[in-house]
Structures are given as structure tokens and as C-alpha cells.
Amino acid sequence: MKKTKTSAVTDSNGLSKTALRRQREREHRYESILKAAEILFAREGYLQASMEKIADFAEVSVGTLYFYFKNKEDLLVRLLDKISFELRELLGSEFRKADFSLDGIKRAGQFFFEEFCIKHPEKLTIIFKESMGKSAMVEEYRKQIFDKLISDVQEALMRLSENRGLKYQSSLSAELMAVSILGMYERIAYHFLIGQDRSKELKTISKDTVAFILGGINNLSRQ
């Protein structure tokens, strides 16, 4: 009697159930390590949070930690990549929801302060404080992150002007405003939330900041 071969059950990518489970376990372990680093970098500071502490907090061995990340600098860079992606998605979704209108600019500002800053204080501390001045590689990566954010805001401002039938007073106006907006967000977040805890005043801070920005947009554009 011939034995029939039984093929392993696979998913749409051709992975067996076992391989798929292992992949999910690796992804979960990777995310757990990033979360542990996020908490410890924010709580203890980048310099004080050792790889051993991070491994212990993530409940993995030090060897496992180094399997996923070359060193602490590599871990910080990948964490910054994750945080910046989440921040760009948050701001970009508000621009798109409001079809790049003034309301979209307003909502993006409010979401930055009232959603990102308040709900994710560790991420805020890392991107605006603990990643600063740590190494040439990290600084270059931070520059790339902020260049992308500036480009996103500049594009939103250009789309806004097109939708309203307006023209900026110079070719630099949109870029200048984008740099100013990001710089303002960074310094306000640092001053009111990282340097001191004034989160209870954040709705007023958010409202006044957004009003200031909208006024600047109107002043730098003309029909």
C-alpha cells in the first residue's frame, strides 16, 4: 500500500504554521525589546540604560538582545525609526482627513499635543531629548527624521495653498513655515512637558500654538 505524502499547511506567503509561529515570536520579541528600551531610555536616560538592563526588562537574554541589535546605538536608531514613523502617520492622517485644509493643519497640531505628547511621554522624551547629541550617526538619523517631517508639513502647506487658491509671498514661504512649525512644536513640547510637567495646561497651549500658526499661514499668503 502506497503512503501518500502530506504537505504542510502554509499561508499565502508559503510559510508553514511552524515557520509562521516562529516569525510571529521573533516579531513579538523584537517589539518587546523596543518597548523596553523606550521605557528605560525615557526613565533612566540613554547613557544610564545598559543593554543588560534592557534585556532584563524585556525578559530576554543579553545574547538574544545582541541577536536583534548590534549595540545600544543601533537600538536607539531603530527605536527612533519606529517613533518617527508613528508621528508622521499621526500628522499625515489628520492632513489627509481634512483634505489639506486649514482644519487639517489645526487638527494635526492639536493631535500632536493632545494625543502624541500626552499619551506617549516616553516617545516624546526620546525623540526630543534622549537622542540628542549621542553620536554622529544618531544625529545624522535625527536630521533625516526632521527633514522628512519638514517635507511632510511643507507639502501639506503647498496643498493647502492650492486648495484655497492662494499663493505664498515667496518660494521659501512654505519651507520657512514648515521649519518654524516643527521647531515650535519641539521647543514647546520640551519646555512645557519635558523640562517641567505642565500637561494640565496642554489644551490651552495647543489652542494658542495652533492659532499662532494659522495666523502666520494667513499672513504669508495672498490671493
Protein backbone atom coordinates (compact mmCIF):
# COMPACT_ATOMS: atom_id res chain seq x y z
CA MET A 1 0.00 0.00 0.00
CA LYS A 2 1.43 3.35 -1.06
CA LYS A 3 1.96 6.05 1.54
CA THR A 4 0.63 9.41 0.47
CA LYS A 5 2.70 12.47 1.23
CA THR A 6 1.01 15.11 3.36
CA SER A 7 2.09 18.64 2.63
CA ALA A 8 2.47 21.12 5.46
CA VAL A 9 -0.24 23.73 5.74
CA THR A 10 1.11 27.05 4.51
CA ASP A 11 -0.09 30.63 4.47
CA SER A 12 -0.32 32.93 1.43
CA ASN A 13 3.44 33.59 1.65
CA GLY A 14 4.27 29.90 1.55
CA LEU A 15 5.19 29.69 5.24
CA SER A 16 4.27 26.62 7.25
CA LYS A 17 2.36 27.01 10.51
CA THR A 18 5.55 26.35 12.44
CA ALA A 19 7.55 28.90 10.46
CA LEU A 20 4.72 31.42 10.78
CA ARG A 21 4.58 30.92 14.55
CA ARG A 22 8.35 31.40 14.84
CA GLN A 23 8.17 34.55 12.72
CA ARG A 24 5.47 35.97 14.98
CA GLU A 25 7.51 35.09 18.04
CA ARG A 26 10.55 36.91 16.60
CA GLU A 27 8.43 39.95 15.76
CA HIS A 28 6.92 39.96 19.25
CA ARG A 29 10.38 39.66 20.84
CA TYR A 30 11.69 42.50 18.65
CA GLU A 31 8.79 44.77 19.63
CA SER A 32 9.16 43.83 23.32
CA ILE A 33 12.83 44.86 23.24
CA LEU A 34 11.99 48.17 21.55
CA LYS A 35 9.31 48.86 24.16
CA ALA A 36 11.71 48.05 26.99
CA ALA A 37 14.33 50.38 25.51
CA GLU A 38 11.72 53.12 25.05
CA ILE A 39 10.72 52.95 28.73
CA LEU A 40 14.26 52.74 30.11
CA PHE A 41 15.76 55.40 27.83
CA ALA A 42 12.99 57.78 28.89
CA ARG A 43 13.00 56.81 32.58
CA GLU A 44 16.73 56.42 33.29
CA GLY A 45 18.31 58.19 30.32
CA TYR A 46 20.09 56.73 27.31
CA LEU A 47 23.53 56.70 28.94
CA GLN A 48 22.33 55.02 32.15
CA ALA A 49 20.19 52.35 30.48
CA SER A 50 22.59 49.48 29.80
CA MET A 51 21.95 46.64 27.37
CA GLU A 52 21.84 44.29 30.36
CA LYS A 53 19.06 46.35 31.97
CA ILE A 54 17.13 46.44 28.71
CA ALA A 55 17.43 42.67 28.27
CA ASP A 56 16.26 42.09 31.83
CA PHE A 57 13.30 44.45 31.41
CA ALA A 58 12.32 42.79 28.11
CA GLU A 59 12.73 39.34 29.74
CA VAL A 60 15.22 38.12 27.15
CA SER A 61 18.85 37.07 27.43
CA VAL A 62 21.63 39.53 26.62
CA GLY A 63 22.64 37.21 23.77
CA THR A 64 19.12 37.44 22.32
CA LEU A 65 19.24 41.23 22.57
CA TYR A 66 22.50 41.33 20.59
CA PHE A 67 21.00 38.95 18.03
CA TYR A 68 18.45 41.64 17.16
CA PHE A 69 20.58 44.76 17.68
CA LYS A 70 24.31 45.31 17.10
CA ASN A 71 24.68 47.67 20.05
CA LYS A 72 22.81 50.32 22.05
CA GLU A 73 23.29 52.92 19.31
CA ASP A 74 21.68 50.59 16.76
CA LEU A 75 18.80 50.02 19.20
CA LEU A 76 18.27 53.78 19.60
CA VAL A 77 18.29 54.37 15.84
CA ARG A 78 15.70 51.65 15.22
CA LEU A 79 13.57 52.99 18.05
CA LEU A 80 13.74 56.48 16.54
CA ASP A 81 12.69 54.99 13.20
CA LYS A 82 9.59 53.46 14.81
CA ILE A 83 8.66 56.63 16.72
CA SER A 84 9.14 58.91 13.72
CA PHE A 85 7.00 56.62 11.55
CA GLU A 86 4.18 56.75 14.12
CA LEU A 87 4.46 60.54 14.40
CA ARG A 88 4.44 61.06 10.62
CA GLU A 89 1.43 58.77 10.27
CA LEU A 90 -0.43 60.66 13.01
CA LEU A 91 0.18 64.09 11.49
CA GLY A 92 -0.28 62.92 7.91
CA SER A 93 -3.60 61.22 8.64
CA GLU A 94 -5.02 64.46 10.04
CA PHE A 95 -3.86 66.42 6.98
CA ARG A 96 -5.46 63.85 4.67
CA LYS A 97 -8.72 63.56 6.64
CA ALA A 98 -9.34 67.29 6.26
CA ASP A 99 -8.18 67.25 2.60
CA PHE A 100 -5.20 69.50 3.36
CA SER A 101 -7.40 72.35 4.62
CA LEU A 102 -6.80 74.84 7.43
CA ASP A 103 -8.85 72.50 9.60
CA GLY A 104 -6.35 69.74 8.81
CA ILE A 105 -3.43 71.93 9.93
CA LYS A 106 -5.37 72.78 13.10
CA ARG A 107 -6.25 69.16 13.89
CA ALA A 108 -2.70 67.95 13.22
CA GLY A 109 -1.39 70.47 15.75
CA GLN A 110 -3.99 69.50 18.33
CA PHE A 111 -3.27 65.82 17.81
CA PHE A 112 0.45 66.37 18.24
CA PHE A 113 -0.01 67.96 21.66
CA GLU A 114 -3.11 66.19 22.95
CA GLU A 115 -2.53 62.70 21.55
CA PHE A 116 1.18 62.17 20.91
CA CYS A 117 2.64 64.29 23.73
CA ILE A 118 0.23 63.28 26.49
CA LYS A 119 -0.35 59.64 25.59
CA HIS A 120 3.27 58.86 24.64
CA PRO A 121 5.57 60.77 27.02
CA GLU A 122 8.38 58.21 26.60
CA LYS A 123 8.41 58.66 22.82
CA LEU A 124 8.36 62.43 23.26
CA THR A 125 11.34 62.33 25.64
CA ILE A 126 13.37 60.09 23.36
CA ILE A 127 12.88 61.98 20.11
CA PHE A 128 13.31 65.47 21.62
CA LYS A 129 15.78 64.84 24.45
CA GLU A 130 17.47 61.46 24.94
CA SER A 131 18.52 61.05 21.30
CA MET A 132 20.21 64.45 21.11
CA GLY A 133 24.00 64.61 20.90
CA LYS A 134 24.57 60.90 21.48
CA SER A 135 26.71 60.17 18.41
CA ALA A 136 27.36 61.38 14.87
CA MET A 137 25.28 58.51 13.46
CA VAL A 138 22.30 59.22 15.73
CA GLU A 139 22.49 62.94 14.96
CA GLU A 140 22.51 62.23 11.22
CA TYR A 141 19.49 59.98 11.67
CA ARG A 142 17.68 62.64 13.71
CA LYS A 143 18.38 65.13 10.91
CA GLN A 144 16.83 62.74 8.39
CA ILE A 145 13.76 62.33 10.59
CA PHE A 146 13.20 66.06 10.95
CA ASP A 147 13.90 66.65 7.26
CA LYS A 148 11.11 64.18 6.44
CA LEU A 149 8.73 65.82 8.92
CA ILE A 150 9.52 69.26 7.48
CA SER A 151 8.91 67.91 3.98
CA ASP A 152 5.54 66.45 5.08
CA VAL A 153 4.41 69.75 6.61
CA GLN A 154 5.70 71.74 3.62
CA GLU A 155 3.75 69.52 1.24
CA ALA A 156 0.60 69.97 3.36
CA LEU A 157 1.06 73.76 3.26
CA MET A 158 1.53 73.73 -0.51
CA ARG A 159 -1.57 71.58 -0.96
CA LEU A 160 -3.44 73.93 1.34
CA SER A 161 -2.50 76.96 -0.77
CA GLU A 162 -3.61 75.17 -3.95
CA ASN A 163 -6.97 74.22 -2.41
CA ARG A 164 -7.60 77.80 -1.27
CA GLY A 165 -6.39 79.39 -4.48
CA LEU A 166 -3.64 81.27 -2.65
CA LYS A 167 -0.01 82.00 -3.38
CA TYR A 168 2.76 82.42 -0.85
CA GLN A 169 4.70 85.68 -0.91
CA SER A 170 7.92 83.87 -1.88
CA SER A 171 9.10 80.42 -2.93
CA LEU A 172 10.63 79.99 0.54
CA SER A 173 7.47 80.80 2.47
CA ALA A 174 6.10 77.24 2.75
CA GLU A 175 9.51 75.80 3.66
CA LEU A 176 10.09 78.58 6.19
CA MET A 177 6.72 77.95 7.81
CA ALA A 178 7.29 74.19 7.90
CA VAL A 179 10.65 74.63 9.66
CA SER A 180 9.10 77.15 12.06
CA ILE A 181 6.14 74.91 12.88
CA LEU A 182 8.30 71.88 13.63
CA GLY A 183 10.74 73.98 15.63
CA MET A 184 7.90 75.50 17.62
CA TYR A 185 6.35 72.09 18.35
CA GLU A 186 9.72 70.78 19.53
CA ARG A 187 10.52 73.69 21.85
CA ILE A 188 7.00 73.93 23.29
CA ALA A 189 6.91 70.19 23.96
CA TYR A 190 10.34 70.36 25.60
CA HIS A 191 9.59 73.46 27.69
CA PHE A 192 6.12 72.51 28.94
CA LEU A 193 6.31 68.71 29.12
CA ILE A 194 9.93 67.54 29.37
CA GLY A 195 11.55 70.44 31.19
CA GLN A 196 8.55 70.74 33.52
CA ASP A 197 5.21 68.97 33.87
CA ARG A 198 2.51 71.40 32.77
CA SER A 199 0.41 68.82 30.95
CA LYS A 200 -2.76 70.12 32.67
CA GLU A 201 -2.38 73.32 30.64
CA LEU A 202 -1.86 71.50 27.37
CA LYS A 203 -5.27 72.22 25.84
CA THR A 204 -4.67 75.95 26.24
CA ILE A 205 -1.10 75.57 24.97
CA SER A 206 -2.34 73.57 21.98
CA LYS A 207 -5.09 76.08 21.17
CA ASP A 208 -2.81 79.14 21.39
CA THR A 209 0.00 77.48 19.39
CA VAL A 210 -2.32 76.40 16.59
CA ALA A 211 -3.95 79.87 16.46
CA PHE A 212 -0.47 81.43 16.17
CA ILE A 213 0.43 79.08 13.31
CA LEU A 214 -2.83 79.65 11.41
CA GLY A 215 -2.29 83.40 11.70
CA GLY A 216 1.17 83.02 10.22
CA ILE A 217 -0.17 80.99 7.31
CA ASN A 218 -2.74 83.65 6.51
CA ASN A 219 -0.17 86.47 6.77
CA LEU A 220 2.33 84.78 4.44
CA SER A 221 -0.19 84.00 1.72
CA ARG A 222 -2.22 86.18 -0.61
CA GLN A 223 -4.92 85.74 -3.20
